[in-house]
Amino acid sequence: MARFLLLAVVVAGGLCPSLGQSASDEMRAGVEAYKLALYDQAIVYFQKAAEMEPTLVIAHLYLAYAHAQEYIPGAESRSNLALSSGCRACKASLRCNTT
């Protein structure tokens, strides 16, 4: 119930960028979702920012952090394994962007 209320506040508070927003708007929304521990929502925003501006290293970094927050070490569920591969992909992207 508390998570639903937080999500309602996020939506009502204007943290959900509308279509056509910039990568920086997506980043701001992602950071706000991250602060509220809405990591799955933050991932969506950071992915969108990274797609809009592939060279925006901070978007990839925050995306990796958000994936890491949802990852449970040692758990072998399908979703957890997907998060693990998402973390590896983000790390690889960061290596590519720093050269």
Protein backbone atom coordinates (compact mmCIF):
# COMPACT_ATOMS: atom_id res chain seq x y z
CA MET A 1 0.00 0.00 0.00
CA ALA A 2 2.82 2.40 0.89
CA ARG A 3 4.51 1.75 -2.46
CA PHE A 4 1.26 2.49 -4.27
CA LEU A 5 0.96 5.80 -2.44
CA LEU A 6 4.56 6.70 -3.32
CA LEU A 7 3.89 5.90 -6.96
CA ALA A 8 0.76 8.06 -6.88
CA VAL A 9 2.82 10.93 -5.49
CA VAL A 10 5.43 10.45 -8.22
CA VAL A 11 2.80 10.55 -10.97
CA ALA A 12 0.83 13.41 -9.45
CA GLY A 13 4.01 15.34 -8.71
CA GLY A 14 4.94 15.47 -12.36
CA LEU A 15 7.91 13.12 -12.20
CA CYS A 16 6.67 11.18 -15.21
CA PRO A 17 7.98 13.03 -18.23
CA SER A 18 5.58 13.35 -21.11
CA LEU A 19 6.47 12.33 -24.64
CA GLY A 20 9.07 14.44 -26.34
CA GLN A 21 11.02 15.34 -23.21
CA SER A 22 14.79 15.60 -23.18
CA ALA A 23 17.31 13.15 -21.79
CA SER A 24 17.92 15.50 -18.86
CA ASP A 25 14.18 15.40 -18.04
CA GLU A 26 14.31 11.61 -18.10
CA MET A 27 17.38 11.72 -15.84
CA ARG A 28 15.64 14.00 -13.34
CA ALA A 29 12.62 11.71 -13.21
CA GLY A 30 14.89 8.68 -12.83
CA VAL A 31 16.80 10.24 -9.95
CA GLU A 32 13.55 11.11 -8.17
CA ALA A 33 12.23 7.57 -8.64
CA TYR A 34 15.57 6.20 -7.41
CA LYS A 35 15.41 8.38 -4.28
CA LEU A 36 11.96 6.93 -3.57
CA ALA A 37 13.38 3.39 -3.98
CA LEU A 38 11.22 2.87 -7.10
CA TYR A 39 14.12 1.19 -8.85
CA ASP A 40 12.09 -0.52 -11.57
CA GLN A 41 10.64 2.85 -12.58
CA ALA A 42 14.06 4.52 -12.33
CA ILE A 43 15.44 1.89 -14.70
CA VAL A 44 12.85 2.85 -17.31
CA TYR A 45 13.78 6.53 -17.09
CA PHE A 46 17.54 5.91 -17.17
CA GLN A 47 17.18 3.55 -20.14
CA LYS A 48 15.17 6.18 -22.00
CA ALA A 49 17.81 8.84 -21.24
CA ALA A 50 20.58 6.50 -22.42
CA GLU A 51 18.67 5.77 -25.63
CA MET A 52 18.10 9.46 -26.27
CA GLU A 53 21.75 10.33 -25.67
CA PRO A 54 23.93 7.19 -25.93
CA THR A 55 27.08 9.11 -24.93
CA LEU A 56 25.50 10.35 -21.68
CA VAL A 57 27.69 8.30 -19.35
CA ILE A 58 25.81 9.35 -16.21
CA ALA A 59 22.62 7.74 -17.58
CA HIS A 60 24.45 4.43 -17.98
CA LEU A 61 25.98 4.77 -14.52
CA TYR A 62 22.64 5.43 -12.81
CA LEU A 63 21.11 2.61 -14.84
CA ALA A 64 23.75 0.23 -13.50
CA TYR A 65 23.13 1.47 -9.93
CA ALA A 66 19.38 0.95 -10.28
CA HIS A 67 19.89 -2.58 -11.63
CA ALA A 68 22.28 -3.31 -8.77
CA GLN A 69 19.69 -2.22 -6.21
CA GLU A 70 17.24 -4.83 -7.49
CA TYR A 71 19.80 -7.63 -7.79
CA ILE A 72 19.82 -10.26 -5.01
CA PRO A 73 23.20 -12.03 -4.85
CA GLY A 74 22.87 -15.81 -5.00
CA ALA A 75 19.19 -15.86 -5.97
CA GLU A 76 18.60 -17.89 -9.10
CA SER A 77 15.17 -16.65 -10.13
CA ARG A 78 14.66 -15.77 -13.78
CA SER A 79 14.17 -12.06 -13.02
CA ASN A 80 17.28 -11.95 -10.84
CA LEU A 81 19.38 -13.59 -13.54
CA ALA A 82 18.05 -11.02 -16.03
CA LEU A 83 19.11 -8.23 -13.66
CA SER A 84 22.55 -9.77 -13.45
CA SER A 85 22.92 -9.69 -17.23
CA GLY A 86 21.56 -6.12 -17.24
CA CYS A 87 24.27 -5.10 -14.78
CA ARG A 88 26.94 -6.68 -16.98
CA ALA A 89 25.59 -4.89 -20.05
CA CYS A 90 25.67 -1.55 -18.22
CA LYS A 91 29.23 -2.13 -17.06
CA ALA A 92 30.29 -3.01 -20.61
CA SER A 93 28.62 0.14 -21.88
CA LEU A 94 30.49 2.23 -19.33
CA ARG A 95 33.81 0.72 -20.41
CA CYS A 96 33.01 1.61 -24.02
CA ASN A 97 32.08 5.19 -23.14
CA THR A 98 35.25 5.90 -21.18
CA THR A 99 37.67 5.10 -24.01
